[in-house]
């Protein structure tokens, strides 16, 4: 997983998954 960046954004639902640096 990526760290501290938005993995992807779903415009249809209006939300995105954010991967945490300390996740």
C-alpha atoms as a PDB file:
ATOM      1  CA  UNK A   1       0.000   0.000   0.000  1.00  0.00           C
ATOM      2  CA  UNK A   2       0.997   3.573  -0.569  1.00  0.00           C
ATOM      3  CA  UNK A   3       1.879   5.727   2.379  1.00  0.00           C
ATOM      4  CA  UNK A   4       0.136   8.979   3.204  1.00  0.00           C
ATOM      5  CA  UNK A   5      -1.462   9.327  -0.211  1.00  0.00           C
ATOM      6  CA  UNK A   6      -4.887   8.934  -1.705  1.00  0.00           C
ATOM      7  CA  UNK A   7      -5.050   5.472  -3.203  1.00  0.00           C
ATOM      8  CA  UNK A   8      -8.085   6.225  -5.349  1.00  0.00           C
ATOM      9  CA  UNK A   9     -11.147   8.431  -5.413  1.00  0.00           C
ATOM     10  CA  UNK A  10     -14.666   7.361  -6.251  1.00  0.00           C
ATOM     11  CA  UNK A  11     -16.392  10.328  -7.826  1.00  0.00           C
ATOM     12  CA  UNK A  12     -19.650   8.424  -8.098  1.00  0.00           C
ATOM     13  CA  UNK A  13     -19.907   7.941  -4.351  1.00  0.00           C
ATOM     14  CA  UNK A  14     -17.967  11.072  -3.461  1.00  0.00           C
ATOM     15  CA  UNK A  15     -15.314   9.537  -1.269  1.00  0.00           C
ATOM     16  CA  UNK A  16     -11.822   8.124  -1.521  1.00  0.00           C
ATOM     17  CA  UNK A  17      -9.563   5.670   0.216  1.00  0.00           C
ATOM     18  CA  UNK A  18      -6.568   7.165   1.967  1.00  0.00           C
ATOM     19  CA  UNK A  19      -3.641   5.056   3.056  1.00  0.00           C
ATOM     20  CA  UNK A  20      -2.013   6.168   6.273  1.00  0.00           C
ATOM     21  CA  UNK A  21       1.706   6.463   6.762  1.00  0.00           C
ATOM     22  CA  UNK A  22       1.312   4.736  10.126  1.00  0.00           C
ATOM     23  CA  UNK A  23      -1.511   2.467   9.045  1.00  0.00           C
END
